[in-house]
Amino acid sequence: MQQVTIKDIARLAGVSVTTVSRALNHAPEIRAETRERILKLCREQGYRTNLLARSLVSSRSNVLGLILPSISNPFYAALALNIETFARERGYQVMLSTGRPGDDRIETLFDFLISQRVDAVLLANASDAAHVLLGRYHETVPCVLLGSHARDTSRLRINAVSVDNYAGGHLAAEYLHRLGHRRVVYLGRRLGTASHTLRYKGFRDAARELEMELRTVENTGGSSSVENGRRMGLELLSAPLPETAVFAASDAVALGVLQAADELGVDVPGQLSLMGFDNIEYAGLPGIQLTTLSQNVPLLARTAVRLTLELIESHEQEVYTRKLVTPTLIERATCRPLTPDGAG
């Protein structure tokens, strides 16, 4: 079967090759009706853009590299889906990989994506090593960090988009205080992880301001998973618990605590209020209805894609941008108000 060329599409559409090229590249100067007619013809005729050839001519591949720590984590899965959706709307495809700073293969992943002529790399990670990795590559390809950093990012040579984790932690403590809780647990703090560091600092600072008693439980399991949440929940709930509320560092951890509470016969929220962070899809399911803080994943993804494309267009390497997305409180069924004396 003879391969359909861009000249064939131009002839069938009755337009120039330049017009077809503009339609395929989502150029703004072409009318929407013309673009749709050309794209429809491309689909019908089985035309496929030769990305390598186009990138050699235009120095653009219209492909973004995305590196996630994991695709099994519901938050990162939702983030990848939204990034792909918004990138496609702007005429870009996404090449997805998984890896973490510190892994032996992470630099290999960067080198691979660059060899595939991606126009930019987005790294979703919250470890303190992420900025070092991005600083190594930012002069080769535009890079955007999707995640917080515990240091002063105004002094870092990185572009970053993240939820405001400090504000989220602060908001969580204020909410529990408003419900009447005065003795609380922060469950699942992970050392060396910027998002958790900031989340914890926000919660701790608000608790101090509001004169709440705070107990902190470290997560030594290496990840904020349901299983680690269950393990920490079993340890916490197996002993007498003077606190009336738990703020879990993530929804996955909170789901593990819910499982542990069910196994031990602890009523949530009757005996214990529970709050998470992320607003993953499972959090709103019937029978769970977890009170949580939403990271506004669609807005987070849209902001990251927009910043990435701005970097691609500007070629500016000496200006660095940090964008913060404000988290939103999602009130559901796992927290309850207390009377002023702390009783139910």
C-alpha atoms as a PDB file:
ATOM      1  CA  MET A   1       0.000   0.000   0.000  1.00  0.00           C
ATOM      2  CA  GLN A   2       1.403   3.379  -1.032  1.00  0.00           C
ATOM      3  CA  GLN A   3       1.992   5.766   1.867  1.00  0.00           C
ATOM      4  CA  VAL A   4      -0.172   8.879   1.919  1.00  0.00           C
ATOM      5  CA  THR A   5       1.893  12.084   1.874  1.00  0.00           C
ATOM      6  CA  ILE A   6       1.203  15.624   2.981  1.00  0.00           C
ATOM      7  CA  LYS A   7       1.042  16.606  -0.700  1.00  0.00           C
ATOM      8  CA  ASP A   8      -1.770  14.062  -1.220  1.00  0.00           C
ATOM      9  CA  ILE A   9      -3.750  15.611   1.646  1.00  0.00           C
ATOM     10  CA  ALA A  10      -3.188  19.114   0.266  1.00  0.00           C
ATOM     11  CA  ARG A  11      -4.443  18.039  -3.176  1.00  0.00           C
ATOM     12  CA  LEU A  12      -7.559  16.328  -1.759  1.00  0.00           C
ATOM     13  CA  ALA A  13      -8.345  19.314   0.475  1.00  0.00           C
ATOM     14  CA  GLY A  14      -7.718  21.835  -2.266  1.00  0.00           C
ATOM     15  CA  VAL A  15      -5.225  23.792  -0.173  1.00  0.00           C
ATOM     16  CA  SER A  16      -1.494  24.348  -0.065  1.00  0.00           C
ATOM     17  CA  VAL A  17       0.998  22.078   1.665  1.00  0.00           C
ATOM     18  CA  THR A  18       1.702  24.978   4.033  1.00  0.00           C
ATOM     19  CA  THR A  19      -1.960  25.081   5.074  1.00  0.00           C
ATOM     20  CA  VAL A  20      -1.953  21.347   5.805  1.00  0.00           C
ATOM     21  CA  SER A  21       1.226  21.752   7.851  1.00  0.00           C
ATOM     22  CA  ARG A  22      -0.358  24.564   9.834  1.00  0.00           C
ATOM     23  CA  ALA A  23      -3.431  22.446  10.520  1.00  0.00           C
ATOM     24  CA  LEU A  24      -1.302  19.541  11.780  1.00  0.00           C
ATOM     25  CA  ASN A  25       0.656  21.895  14.031  1.00  0.00           C
ATOM     26  CA  HIS A  26      -2.476  23.621  15.411  1.00  0.00           C
ATOM     27  CA  ALA A  27      -1.246  26.998  14.189  1.00  0.00           C
ATOM     28  CA  PRO A  28      -3.542  29.816  15.402  1.00  0.00           C
ATOM     29  CA  GLU A  29      -3.706  31.584  12.031  1.00  0.00           C
ATOM     30  CA  ILE A  30      -5.734  28.812  10.373  1.00  0.00           C
ATOM     31  CA  ARG A  31      -9.530  28.764  10.671  1.00  0.00           C
ATOM     32  CA  ALA A  32     -11.043  26.060  12.892  1.00  0.00           C
ATOM     33  CA  GLU A  33     -13.306  24.794  10.070  1.00  0.00           C
ATOM     34  CA  THR A  34     -10.344  24.383   7.717  1.00  0.00           C
ATOM     35  CA  ARG A  35      -8.294  22.613  10.385  1.00  0.00           C
ATOM     36  CA  GLU A  36     -11.079  20.146  11.169  1.00  0.00           C
ATOM     37  CA  ARG A  37     -11.647  19.416   7.470  1.00  0.00           C
ATOM     38  CA  ILE A  38      -7.953  18.708   6.929  1.00  0.00           C
ATOM     39  CA  LEU A  39      -7.636  16.568  10.072  1.00  0.00           C
ATOM     40  CA  LYS A  40     -10.719  14.589   9.023  1.00  0.00           C
ATOM     41  CA  LEU A  41      -9.131  13.918   5.635  1.00  0.00           C
ATOM     42  CA  CYS A  42      -5.915  12.805   7.352  1.00  0.00           C
ATOM     43  CA  ARG A  43      -7.852  10.295   9.445  1.00  0.00           C
ATOM     44  CA  GLU A  44      -9.825   9.000   6.485  1.00  0.00           C
ATOM     45  CA  GLN A  45      -6.744   8.624   4.282  1.00  0.00           C
ATOM     46  CA  GLY A  46      -4.584   7.096   7.015  1.00  0.00           C
ATOM     47  CA  TYR A  47      -2.022   9.906   6.956  1.00  0.00           C
ATOM     48  CA  ARG A  48       0.491   9.804   9.799  1.00  0.00           C
ATOM     49  CA  THR A  49       2.860  12.662  10.579  1.00  0.00           C
ATOM     50  CA  ASN A  50       6.526  11.726  10.384  1.00  0.00           C
ATOM     51  CA  LEU A  51       7.540  13.179  13.744  1.00  0.00           C
ATOM     52  CA  LEU A  52      11.254  12.583  13.241  1.00  0.00           C
ATOM     53  CA  ALA A  53      11.287  14.289   9.863  1.00  0.00           C
ATOM     54  CA  ARG A  54       9.247  17.196  11.188  1.00  0.00           C
ATOM     55  CA  SER A  55      11.530  17.642  14.190  1.00  0.00           C
ATOM     56  CA  LEU A  56      14.612  17.709  11.973  1.00  0.00           C
ATOM     57  CA  VAL A  57      13.080  20.449   9.828  1.00  0.00           C
ATOM     58  CA  SER A  58      11.431  22.565  12.535  1.00  0.00           C
ATOM     59  CA  SER A  59      13.639  21.717  15.541  1.00  0.00           C
ATOM     60  CA  ARG A  60      10.383  20.726  17.268  1.00  0.00           C
ATOM     61  CA  SER A  61       8.911  17.281  17.855  1.00  0.00           C
ATOM     62  CA  ASN A  62       5.731  18.461  19.607  1.00  0.00           C
ATOM     63  CA  VAL A  63       6.426  15.745  22.198  1.00  0.00           C
ATOM     64  CA  LEU A  64       6.804  16.322  25.950  1.00  0.00           C
ATOM     65  CA  GLY A  65       8.638  13.908  28.210  1.00  0.00           C
ATOM     66  CA  LEU A  66       6.942  13.136  31.533  1.00  0.00           C
ATOM     67  CA  ILE A  67       8.683  11.247  34.344  1.00  0.00           C
ATOM     68  CA  LEU A  68       6.557  10.040  37.262  1.00  0.00           C
ATOM     69  CA  PRO A  69       7.672   8.249  40.448  1.00  0.00           C
ATOM     70  CA  SER A  70       4.931   5.662  39.897  1.00  0.00           C
ATOM     71  CA  ILE A  71       1.794   5.062  37.874  1.00  0.00           C
ATOM     72  CA  SER A  72       0.229   2.839  40.555  1.00  0.00           C
ATOM     73  CA  ASN A  73      -0.312   5.848  42.845  1.00  0.00           C
ATOM     74  CA  PRO A  74      -3.799   7.218  42.007  1.00  0.00           C
ATOM     75  CA  PHE A  75      -2.631  10.820  42.321  1.00  0.00           C
ATOM     76  CA  TYR A  76       0.152  10.418  39.764  1.00  0.00           C
ATOM     77  CA  ALA A  77      -2.111   8.441  37.447  1.00  0.00           C
ATOM     78  CA  ALA A  78      -4.652  11.294  37.483  1.00  0.00           C
ATOM     79  CA  LEU A  79      -1.867  13.851  36.993  1.00  0.00           C
ATOM     80  CA  ALA A  80      -0.539  12.006  33.930  1.00  0.00           C
ATOM     81  CA  LEU A  81      -4.014  11.739  32.394  1.00  0.00           C
ATOM     82  CA  ASN A  82      -4.657  15.466  32.820  1.00  0.00           C
ATOM     83  CA  ILE A  83      -1.238  16.468  31.493  1.00  0.00           C
ATOM     84  CA  GLU A  84      -1.790  14.304  28.424  1.00  0.00           C
ATOM     85  CA  THR A  85      -5.250  15.817  27.887  1.00  0.00           C
ATOM     86  CA  PHE A  86      -4.104  19.441  28.096  1.00  0.00           C
ATOM     87  CA  ALA A  87      -0.947  18.782  26.056  1.00  0.00           C
ATOM     88  CA  ARG A  88      -3.002  17.178  23.288  1.00  0.00           C
ATOM     89  CA  GLU A  89      -5.274  20.220  23.198  1.00  0.00           C
ATOM     90  CA  ARG A  90      -2.181  22.286  22.413  1.00  0.00           C
ATOM     91  CA  GLY A  91      -0.985  19.892  19.716  1.00  0.00           C
ATOM     92  CA  TYR A  92       1.544  17.958  21.815  1.00  0.00           C
ATOM     93  CA  GLN A  93       1.936  14.277  22.618  1.00  0.00           C
ATOM     94  CA  VAL A  94       3.351  12.939  25.899  1.00  0.00           C
ATOM     95  CA  MET A  95       6.053  10.282  26.297  1.00  0.00           C
ATOM     96  CA  LEU A  96       5.650   8.738  29.764  1.00  0.00           C
ATOM     97  CA  SER A  97       8.381   7.128  31.868  1.00  0.00           C
ATOM     98  CA  THR A  98       8.746   6.239  35.551  1.00  0.00           C
ATOM     99  CA  GLY A  99      11.737   6.910  37.766  1.00  0.00           C
ATOM    100  CA  ARG A 100      12.914   8.793  40.846  1.00  0.00           C
ATOM    101  CA  PRO A 101      15.953  10.982  41.535  1.00  0.00           C
ATOM    102  CA  GLY A 102      18.482   8.688  43.153  1.00  0.00           C
ATOM    103  CA  ASP A 103      17.516   5.711  40.990  1.00  0.00           C
ATOM    104  CA  ASP A 104      20.303   4.328  38.838  1.00  0.00           C
ATOM    105  CA  ARG A 105      18.144   4.703  35.742  1.00  0.00           C
ATOM    106  CA  ILE A 106      16.886   8.275  36.145  1.00  0.00           C
ATOM    107  CA  GLU A 107      19.747   9.898  34.221  1.00  0.00           C
ATOM    108  CA  THR A 108      19.346   7.244  31.544  1.00  0.00           C
ATOM    109  CA  LEU A 109      15.689   8.252  31.261  1.00  0.00           C
ATOM    110  CA  PHE A 110      16.619  11.910  30.773  1.00  0.00           C
ATOM    111  CA  ASP A 111      19.229  10.986  28.163  1.00  0.00           C
ATOM    112  CA  PHE A 112      16.711   8.760  26.380  1.00  0.00           C
ATOM    113  CA  LEU A 113      14.018  11.440  26.272  1.00  0.00           C
ATOM    114  CA  ILE A 114      16.507  14.023  24.993  1.00  0.00           C
ATOM    115  CA  SER A 115      17.692  11.563  22.322  1.00  0.00           C
ATOM    116  CA  GLN A 116      14.070  11.260  21.206  1.00  0.00           C
ATOM    117  CA  ARG A 117      14.097  15.039  20.652  1.00  0.00           C
ATOM    118  CA  VAL A 118      11.373  15.856  23.191  1.00  0.00           C
ATOM    119  CA  ASP A 119      10.730  19.577  23.395  1.00  0.00           C
ATOM    120  CA  ALA A 120      10.715  19.607  27.222  1.00  0.00           C
ATOM    121  CA  VAL A 121      10.775  17.326  30.261  1.00  0.00           C
ATOM    122  CA  LEU A 122       8.341  17.435  33.183  1.00  0.00           C
ATOM    123  CA  LEU A 123       9.531  15.650  36.327  1.00  0.00           C
ATOM    124  CA  ALA A 124       6.898  14.839  38.949  1.00  0.00           C
ATOM    125  CA  ASN A 125       8.769  14.391  42.194  1.00  0.00           C
ATOM    126  CA  ALA A 126       8.987  15.841  45.682  1.00  0.00           C
ATOM    127  CA  SER A 127      12.391  14.606  46.811  1.00  0.00           C
ATOM    128  CA  ASP A 128      15.102  17.057  47.793  1.00  0.00           C
ATOM    129  CA  ALA A 129      17.339  15.600  45.055  1.00  0.00           C
ATOM    130  CA  ALA A 130      15.010  16.637  42.224  1.00  0.00           C
ATOM    131  CA  HIS A 131      16.354  20.192  41.869  1.00  0.00           C
ATOM    132  CA  VAL A 132      19.912  18.895  41.473  1.00  0.00           C
ATOM    133  CA  LEU A 133      18.829  16.611  38.648  1.00  0.00           C
ATOM    134  CA  LEU A 134      16.879  19.338  36.839  1.00  0.00           C
ATOM    135  CA  GLY A 135      19.723  21.812  37.273  1.00  0.00           C
ATOM    136  CA  ARG A 136      21.946  19.378  35.400  1.00  0.00           C
ATOM    137  CA  TYR A 137      19.700  19.288  32.331  1.00  0.00           C
ATOM    138  CA  HIS A 138      17.952  22.666  32.149  1.00  0.00           C
ATOM    139  CA  GLU A 139      20.472  24.104  29.665  1.00  0.00           C
ATOM    140  CA  THR A 140      19.929  21.125  27.343  1.00  0.00           C
ATOM    141  CA  VAL A 141      16.134  21.012  27.358  1.00  0.00           C
ATOM    142  CA  PRO A 142      13.404  23.055  29.118  1.00  0.00           C
ATOM    143  CA  CYS A 143      12.564  21.331  32.417  1.00  0.00           C
ATOM    144  CA  VAL A 144       9.659  21.766  34.826  1.00  0.00           C
ATOM    145  CA  LEU A 145       9.428  20.263  38.299  1.00  0.00           C
ATOM    146  CA  LEU A 146       5.974  19.098  39.310  1.00  0.00           C
ATOM    147  CA  GLY A 147       6.344  19.144  43.065  1.00  0.00           C
ATOM    148  CA  SER A 148       7.323  21.204  46.062  1.00  0.00           C
ATOM    149  CA  HIS A 149      10.750  22.014  47.303  1.00  0.00           C
ATOM    150  CA  ALA A 150      11.538  22.619  50.936  1.00  0.00           C
ATOM    151  CA  ARG A 151      14.242  25.149  50.154  1.00  0.00           C
ATOM    152  CA  ASP A 152      13.807  28.737  49.010  1.00  0.00           C
ATOM    153  CA  THR A 153      13.007  28.134  45.341  1.00  0.00           C
ATOM    154  CA  SER A 154      13.722  31.776  44.469  1.00  0.00           C
ATOM    155  CA  ARG A 155      17.391  30.830  44.723  1.00  0.00           C
ATOM    156  CA  LEU A 156      17.089  27.622  42.750  1.00  0.00           C
ATOM    157  CA  ARG A 157      17.644  27.398  39.014  1.00  0.00           C
ATOM    158  CA  ILE A 158      14.466  25.445  38.364  1.00  0.00           C
ATOM    159  CA  ASN A 159      10.932  26.018  37.084  1.00  0.00           C
ATOM    160  CA  ALA A 160       8.359  24.482  39.397  1.00  0.00           C
ATOM    161  CA  VAL A 161       4.604  23.988  39.650  1.00  0.00           C
ATOM    162  CA  SER A 162       3.066  22.536  42.795  1.00  0.00           C
ATOM    163  CA  VAL A 163       0.179  22.657  45.183  1.00  0.00           C
ATOM    164  CA  ASP A 164       0.810  24.964  48.140  1.00  0.00           C
ATOM    165  CA  ASN A 165       1.499  22.189  50.641  1.00  0.00           C
ATOM    166  CA  TYR A 166       2.266  24.560  53.507  1.00  0.00           C
ATOM    167  CA  ALA A 167      -1.091  26.290  53.046  1.00  0.00           C
ATOM    168  CA  GLY A 168      -2.792  22.889  52.823  1.00  0.00           C
ATOM    169  CA  GLY A 169      -1.343  21.692  56.117  1.00  0.00           C
ATOM    170  CA  HIS A 170      -2.288  24.972  57.760  1.00  0.00           C
ATOM    171  CA  LEU A 171      -5.839  24.699  56.413  1.00  0.00           C
ATOM    172  CA  ALA A 172      -6.195  21.132  57.734  1.00  0.00           C
ATOM    173  CA  ALA A 173      -5.261  22.114  61.287  1.00  0.00           C
ATOM    174  CA  GLU A 174      -7.582  25.134  61.170  1.00  0.00           C
ATOM    175  CA  TYR A 175     -10.453  22.926  60.006  1.00  0.00           C
ATOM    176  CA  LEU A 176      -9.981  20.353  62.775  1.00  0.00           C
ATOM    177  CA  HIS A 177      -9.705  23.132  65.346  1.00  0.00           C
ATOM    178  CA  ARG A 178     -12.926  24.660  64.036  1.00  0.00           C
ATOM    179  CA  LEU A 179     -14.629  21.299  64.633  1.00  0.00           C
ATOM    180  CA  GLY A 180     -13.491  21.369  68.265  1.00  0.00           C
ATOM    181  CA  HIS A 181     -10.468  19.034  68.118  1.00  0.00           C
ATOM    182  CA  ARG A 182      -7.632  20.064  70.424  1.00  0.00           C
ATOM    183  CA  ARG A 183      -5.488  16.898  70.535  1.00  0.00           C
ATOM    184  CA  VAL A 184      -4.492  15.674  67.080  1.00  0.00           C
ATOM    185  CA  VAL A 185      -2.080  13.326  65.294  1.00  0.00           C
ATOM    186  CA  TYR A 186      -0.117  14.060  62.127  1.00  0.00           C
ATOM    187  CA  LEU A 187       0.326  10.583  60.644  1.00  0.00           C
ATOM    188  CA  GLY A 188       2.852   9.672  57.977  1.00  0.00           C
ATOM    189  CA  ARG A 189       5.487  12.397  57.856  1.00  0.00           C
ATOM    190  CA  ARG A 190       8.263  11.366  55.465  1.00  0.00           C
ATOM    191  CA  LEU A 191      11.691  12.906  55.952  1.00  0.00           C
ATOM    192  CA  GLY A 192      13.534  14.044  52.824  1.00  0.00           C
ATOM    193  CA  THR A 193      10.292  14.636  50.904  1.00  0.00           C
ATOM    194  CA  ALA A 194       9.611  18.298  50.236  1.00  0.00           C
ATOM    195  CA  SER A 195       5.827  18.087  49.875  1.00  0.00           C
ATOM    196  CA  HIS A 196       5.501  16.236  53.183  1.00  0.00           C
ATOM    197  CA  THR A 197       7.957  18.574  54.891  1.00  0.00           C
ATOM    198  CA  LEU A 198       5.938  21.628  53.879  1.00  0.00           C
ATOM    199  CA  ARG A 199       2.608  19.931  54.596  1.00  0.00           C
ATOM    200  CA  TYR A 200       3.793  19.017  58.075  1.00  0.00           C
ATOM    201  CA  LYS A 201       5.230  22.495  58.772  1.00  0.00           C
ATOM    202  CA  GLY A 202       1.933  24.125  57.817  1.00  0.00           C
ATOM    203  CA  PHE A 203      -0.023  21.778  60.073  1.00  0.00           C
ATOM    204  CA  ARG A 204       2.458  22.145  62.947  1.00  0.00           C
ATOM    205  CA  ASP A 205       2.580  25.945  62.751  1.00  0.00           C
ATOM    206  CA  ALA A 206      -1.211  26.224  62.735  1.00  0.00           C
ATOM    207  CA  ALA A 207      -1.481  23.778  65.649  1.00  0.00           C
ATOM    208  CA  ARG A 208       0.932  25.914  67.665  1.00  0.00           C
ATOM    209  CA  GLU A 209      -0.916  29.124  66.820  1.00  0.00           C
ATOM    210  CA  LEU A 210      -4.213  27.509  67.859  1.00  0.00           C
ATOM    211  CA  GLU A 211      -2.698  25.862  70.983  1.00  0.00           C
ATOM    212  CA  MET A 212      -3.515  22.332  69.840  1.00  0.00           C
ATOM    213  CA  GLU A 213      -1.587  19.352  71.221  1.00  0.00           C
ATOM    214  CA  LEU A 214       0.169  17.614  68.330  1.00  0.00           C
ATOM    215  CA  ARG A 215       1.691  14.136  68.126  1.00  0.00           C
ATOM    216  CA  THR A 216       3.716  13.258  65.021  1.00  0.00           C
ATOM    217  CA  VAL A 217       4.044   9.720  63.645  1.00  0.00           C
ATOM    218  CA  GLU A 218       6.866   9.205  61.137  1.00  0.00           C
ATOM    219  CA  ASN A 219       6.430   7.044  58.042  1.00  0.00           C
ATOM    220  CA  THR A 220       9.491   4.807  57.838  1.00  0.00           C
ATOM    221  CA  GLY A 221       8.017   2.639  55.081  1.00  0.00           C
ATOM    222  CA  GLY A 222       9.464   4.616  52.172  1.00  0.00           C
ATOM    223  CA  SER A 223       6.182   5.474  50.451  1.00  0.00           C
ATOM    224  CA  SER A 224       2.781   6.937  51.279  1.00  0.00           C
ATOM    225  CA  SER A 225       0.919   3.751  50.377  1.00  0.00           C
ATOM    226  CA  VAL A 226      -2.277   2.183  51.667  1.00  0.00           C
ATOM    227  CA  GLU A 227      -0.265  -0.672  53.157  1.00  0.00           C
ATOM    228  CA  ASN A 228       2.022   1.694  55.074  1.00  0.00           C
ATOM    229  CA  GLY A 229      -1.047   3.611  56.235  1.00  0.00           C
ATOM    230  CA  ARG A 230      -2.597   0.379  57.488  1.00  0.00           C
ATOM    231  CA  ARG A 231       0.615  -0.558  59.325  1.00  0.00           C
ATOM    232  CA  MET A 232       0.864   2.843  61.016  1.00  0.00           C
ATOM    233  CA  GLY A 233      -2.879   2.798  61.745  1.00  0.00           C
ATOM    234  CA  LEU A 234      -2.692  -0.592  63.464  1.00  0.00           C
ATOM    235  CA  GLU A 235       0.187   0.592  65.649  1.00  0.00           C
ATOM    236  CA  LEU A 236      -1.586   3.843  66.512  1.00  0.00           C
ATOM    237  CA  LEU A 237      -5.040   2.423  67.209  1.00  0.00           C
ATOM    238  CA  SER A 238      -3.938  -0.688  69.107  1.00  0.00           C
ATOM    239  CA  ALA A 239      -3.080   1.459  72.152  1.00  0.00           C
ATOM    240  CA  PRO A 240      -5.323   3.887  74.055  1.00  0.00           C
ATOM    241  CA  LEU A 241      -5.616   7.029  71.942  1.00  0.00           C
ATOM    242  CA  PRO A 242      -5.979  10.373  73.762  1.00  0.00           C
ATOM    243  CA  GLU A 243      -6.239  12.285  70.466  1.00  0.00           C
ATOM    244  CA  THR A 244      -9.614  12.814  68.779  1.00  0.00           C
ATOM    245  CA  ALA A 245      -8.465  13.416  65.184  1.00  0.00           C
ATOM    246  CA  VAL A 246      -5.827  12.201  62.726  1.00  0.00           C
ATOM    247  CA  PHE A 247      -4.526  14.134  59.735  1.00  0.00           C
ATOM    248  CA  ALA A 248      -2.950  11.623  57.335  1.00  0.00           C
ATOM    249  CA  ALA A 249      -0.175  12.880  55.061  1.00  0.00           C
ATOM    250  CA  SER A 250      -1.982  11.516  51.989  1.00  0.00           C
ATOM    251  CA  ASP A 251      -5.285   9.938  51.014  1.00  0.00           C
ATOM    252  CA  ALA A 252      -3.567   6.595  50.441  1.00  0.00           C
ATOM    253  CA  VAL A 253      -2.288   6.652  54.022  1.00  0.00           C
ATOM    254  CA  ALA A 254      -5.754   7.663  55.241  1.00  0.00           C
ATOM    255  CA  LEU A 255      -7.334   4.733  53.387  1.00  0.00           C
ATOM    256  CA  GLY A 256      -4.895   2.412  55.165  1.00  0.00           C
ATOM    257  CA  VAL A 257      -5.908   3.957  58.508  1.00  0.00           C
ATOM    258  CA  LEU A 258      -9.565   3.361  57.640  1.00  0.00           C
ATOM    259  CA  GLN A 259      -8.771  -0.283  56.982  1.00  0.00           C
ATOM    260  CA  ALA A 260      -6.909  -0.589  60.300  1.00  0.00           C
ATOM    261  CA  ALA A 261      -9.799   1.096  62.140  1.00  0.00           C
ATOM    262  CA  ASP A 262     -12.240  -1.360  60.609  1.00  0.00           C
ATOM    263  CA  GLU A 263     -10.073  -4.326  61.655  1.00  0.00           C
ATOM    264  CA  LEU A 264      -9.795  -3.036  65.236  1.00  0.00           C
ATOM    265  CA  GLY A 265     -13.428  -1.970  65.571  1.00  0.00           C
ATOM    266  CA  VAL A 266     -12.662   1.760  65.863  1.00  0.00           C
ATOM    267  CA  ASP A 267     -15.541   3.877  64.619  1.00  0.00           C
ATOM    268  CA  VAL A 268     -14.632   6.653  62.164  1.00  0.00           C
ATOM    269  CA  PRO A 269     -15.796   9.353  62.796  1.00  0.00           C
ATOM    270  CA  GLY A 270     -17.663   8.244  65.943  1.00  0.00           C
ATOM    271  CA  GLN A 271     -14.496   7.620  67.966  1.00  0.00           C
ATOM    272  CA  LEU A 272     -11.929   9.248  65.726  1.00  0.00           C
ATOM    273  CA  SER A 273     -12.050  11.908  63.008  1.00  0.00           C
ATOM    274  CA  LEU A 274      -9.815  11.267  60.000  1.00  0.00           C
ATOM    275  CA  MET A 275      -8.632  13.615  57.284  1.00  0.00           C
ATOM    276  CA  GLY A 276      -6.454  13.031  54.202  1.00  0.00           C
ATOM    277  CA  PHE A 277      -4.687  15.017  51.494  1.00  0.00           C
ATOM    278  CA  ASP A 278      -4.902  14.665  47.663  1.00  0.00           C
ATOM    279  CA  ASN A 279      -8.584  13.945  46.927  1.00  0.00           C
ATOM    280  CA  ILE A 280      -7.827  10.844  44.868  1.00  0.00           C
ATOM    281  CA  GLU A 281     -10.727   9.210  43.057  1.00  0.00           C
ATOM    282  CA  TYR A 282     -11.227   6.528  45.735  1.00  0.00           C
ATOM    283  CA  ALA A 283     -11.681   9.140  48.474  1.00  0.00           C
ATOM    284  CA  GLY A 284     -15.206  10.000  47.363  1.00  0.00           C
ATOM    285  CA  LEU A 285     -16.500   6.444  46.918  1.00  0.00           C
ATOM    286  CA  PRO A 286     -19.585   5.322  48.895  1.00  0.00           C
ATOM    287  CA  GLY A 287     -18.509   3.703  52.138  1.00  0.00           C
ATOM    288  CA  ILE A 288     -15.330   5.812  52.262  1.00  0.00           C
ATOM    289  CA  GLN A 289     -16.359   9.470  51.886  1.00  0.00           C
ATOM    290  CA  LEU A 290     -13.006  10.742  53.138  1.00  0.00           C
ATOM    291  CA  THR A 291     -12.702  14.364  54.197  1.00  0.00           C
ATOM    292  CA  THR A 292      -9.592  15.644  52.440  1.00  0.00           C
ATOM    293  CA  LEU A 293      -7.779  18.472  50.718  1.00  0.00           C
ATOM    294  CA  SER A 294      -7.880  18.524  46.931  1.00  0.00           C
ATOM    295  CA  GLN A 295      -4.698  19.275  44.999  1.00  0.00           C
ATOM    296  CA  ASN A 296      -6.854  20.495  42.092  1.00  0.00           C
ATOM    297  CA  VAL A 297      -5.116  18.107  39.701  1.00  0.00           C
ATOM    298  CA  PRO A 298      -6.689  19.496  36.486  1.00  0.00           C
ATOM    299  CA  LEU A 299      -5.520  23.022  37.376  1.00  0.00           C
ATOM    300  CA  LEU A 300      -2.111  21.693  38.433  1.00  0.00           C
ATOM    301  CA  ALA A 301      -1.705  19.873  35.106  1.00  0.00           C
ATOM    302  CA  ARG A 302      -2.971  22.779  33.027  1.00  0.00           C
ATOM    303  CA  THR A 303      -0.611  25.194  34.790  1.00  0.00           C
ATOM    304  CA  ALA A 304       2.345  22.845  34.255  1.00  0.00           C
ATOM    305  CA  VAL A 305       1.601  22.366  30.560  1.00  0.00           C
ATOM    306  CA  ARG A 306       1.121  26.103  30.025  1.00  0.00           C
ATOM    307  CA  LEU A 307       4.422  26.935  31.751  1.00  0.00           C
ATOM    308  CA  THR A 308       6.238  24.208  29.795  1.00  0.00           C
ATOM    309  CA  LEU A 309       5.002  25.516  26.454  1.00  0.00           C
ATOM    310  CA  GLU A 310       5.938  29.068  27.443  1.00  0.00           C
ATOM    311  CA  LEU A 311       9.489  27.867  28.112  1.00  0.00           C
ATOM    312  CA  ILE A 312       9.610  26.084  24.758  1.00  0.00           C
ATOM    313  CA  GLU A 313       8.446  29.208  22.915  1.00  0.00           C
ATOM    314  CA  SER A 314      10.593  31.735  24.766  1.00  0.00           C
ATOM    315  CA  HIS A 315      13.942  29.884  24.778  1.00  0.00           C
ATOM    316  CA  GLU A 316      14.589  31.811  28.009  1.00  0.00           C
ATOM    317  CA  GLN A 317      17.044  29.974  30.267  1.00  0.00           C
ATOM    318  CA  GLU A 318      17.841  32.635  32.854  1.00  0.00           C
ATOM    319  CA  VAL A 319      14.335  33.316  34.204  1.00  0.00           C
ATOM    320  CA  TYR A 320      12.851  30.761  36.599  1.00  0.00           C
ATOM    321  CA  THR A 321       9.215  30.547  37.590  1.00  0.00           C
ATOM    322  CA  ARG A 322       7.487  29.019  40.587  1.00  0.00           C
ATOM    323  CA  LYS A 323       3.725  28.597  40.432  1.00  0.00           C
ATOM    324  CA  LEU A 324       1.605  27.508  43.409  1.00  0.00           C
ATOM    325  CA  VAL A 325      -1.909  26.051  43.235  1.00  0.00           C
ATOM    326  CA  THR A 326      -4.070  26.572  46.323  1.00  0.00           C
ATOM    327  CA  PRO A 327      -5.577  23.351  47.779  1.00  0.00           C
ATOM    328  CA  THR A 328      -9.305  23.124  48.445  1.00  0.00           C
ATOM    329  CA  LEU A 329     -11.063  21.614  51.478  1.00  0.00           C
ATOM    330  CA  ILE A 330     -13.415  18.756  50.565  1.00  0.00           C
ATOM    331  CA  GLU A 331     -15.771  18.041  53.482  1.00  0.00           C
ATOM    332  CA  ARG A 332     -17.207  14.534  53.545  1.00  0.00           C
ATOM    333  CA  ALA A 333     -18.081  12.034  56.284  1.00  0.00           C
ATOM    334  CA  THR A 334     -14.901  11.082  58.192  1.00  0.00           C
ATOM    335  CA  CYS A 335     -14.702  14.139  60.442  1.00  0.00           C
ATOM    336  CA  ARG A 336     -17.231  15.226  63.045  1.00  0.00           C
ATOM    337  CA  PRO A 337     -17.567  18.252  65.324  1.00  0.00           C
ATOM    338  CA  LEU A 338     -16.966  17.958  69.047  1.00  0.00           C
ATOM    339  CA  THR A 339     -18.553  19.847  71.904  1.00  0.00           C
ATOM    340  CA  PRO A 340     -16.365  22.489  73.601  1.00  0.00           C
ATOM    341  CA  ASP A 341     -15.284  20.059  76.327  1.00  0.00           C
ATOM    342  CA  GLY A 342     -14.044  17.566  73.717  1.00  0.00           C
ATOM    343  CA  ALA A 343     -16.823  15.020  74.114  1.00  0.00           C
ATOM    344  CA  GLY A 344     -18.859  13.776  71.167  1.00  0.00           C
END
